[in-house]
Amino acid sequence: MKFQPLTITMFAASVASRKVSAFVASTGARTFTRAFGGSPVMFAKEGQAEVILVGCGAPNRGMGWYHAVQMLEDKCPSASLDYIVEPWFLGGGADSPAGQDFKTWQQDTESKYGTKFTSSLDDLPPPSAPRLALISGRTADNPRLLSESIAHGAKCIYLEKPGAPTVAELEQMKKEADDAGVEVLMGYNKNVCKYVRKTREFAATIPNSHVTFVSNNAYENTPESLGECFERNAEGMLKNMAIHELALLVSFYDVSVDNIAEVIADKDFSSMQTLKGPSGKEFTDFDKIKFTIKTKNGKEVSVQADRCGGTDSYATVTDAKGEEVFRYYMPDEEDKKHVATLQARYPTAMPYFFTQDPDYITVKERVAKHTVDGKPAEGVATIGIAVETLKVAEYLTPILREQLK
């Protein structure tokens, strides 16, 4: 079958290429079609992982949704998003306002890209290419979703932070994956961020330097907005928003529960509130927190996180006198134009998607490529790092709450 040349836009070309790949193999010897619910399905091309997105969430709000957008737009060359598994919006939440928004996006996505949607991993056919399960559901569901992904042929799993609600559950997940010979890599995108790399490189040139990692979100500073945030992220700030910074500490600063000598909260900056979520239940969490960790082997590093601090993350370096000598933002000036373009394209989406957009792409591409060729996914955190990070989060939370009383 031959296709006549067409004059099309870049976006249309991306769509067309994905649709063509559903019928024609790159080698000409393999047919990239199969049945799903009685209809043909697009298929990963040679050199691509067959990606199953497990837990998409609401359009413009869910992290899974933004992962989907990036893969559908071919930002990750080694990833082919073939299936989206969304239990809530294709189940009990289908008739909610958010469920209706999801249905509209689903129909548009199926029409443009051929991606298939289902409510359960049980509906999937066996893998026909190296299968990567990208799990981005509710944290409480992750242990079950990981088990189901392994049972349905995942070769590798990309697990969104923090991985599980508790250390015990995450350790069991690690054991299950290890026993099955399935590698689990984590969505700790800040491990590969430009601002983290540049900050660490600069700090290494300053004797007795001190690094502070700063993370901001752009929630409205109202009981309603923060209450919704507290309920949706009920695992708490240290297991959610600030878990990326804790992963940096575990990865690069020898921080572990066994190696922590002292934890000091900045009481002037920090704040903890008890607020009602949309369900009417009360949730207690930090809306902002700053603390310093000193390790037993002499290292010292600080973290600052603010739910209402804006859209930028950054890191600072201070010298031995405590004077700031370096600050690097995410996004930097080079990346701000890209952020503005994305904001114009998705005006109602969560702002932090855009500031971290290049890093989300980097991690997914490295994991997808690793799924296909088996080569190490450089800089990507393993589930072992995630276990230690979650241990640190569980250790710090009661200590910091007590200091802020």
Foldseek 3Di string as FASTA:
>chain_A
DDDDDDDDDLQLVLLVVQVVQLAAAPVRPDGNWDDAPRDTFGHQHPQAAAEEEEAQDFPQEFPNVLLVVCVSSCLQVRYDDAEYAHQPLVHVPCPPPSSVRVVVVVVVCCVRRVHYYYNDLVRDDADPAAYEYEYRHQQQCQLVVLVSCLVRHHQEYEYEFLRHLALVSLVVSVVVCVVSNYFYFYPLLVLVDPQVVVVVVVLVVAPPKEKEWEAEFAFDPDLARVQQVCVSNVSACLRPVVLSVLLCCVVPVVDFPVFWDDKAWPLVFWDWDWGHYPVRDIGIYTQKTKMWTATNVGDIYIYIYHHNPDQKIKMWMAHPVRHTDDIDIQVHPVQVVQLVVVCVVSVSHGSNCRSSVVSSSLQVSLRRSCSRPVDDSPSTHGSVSSSRSSNVSVVVVVVVVVVND
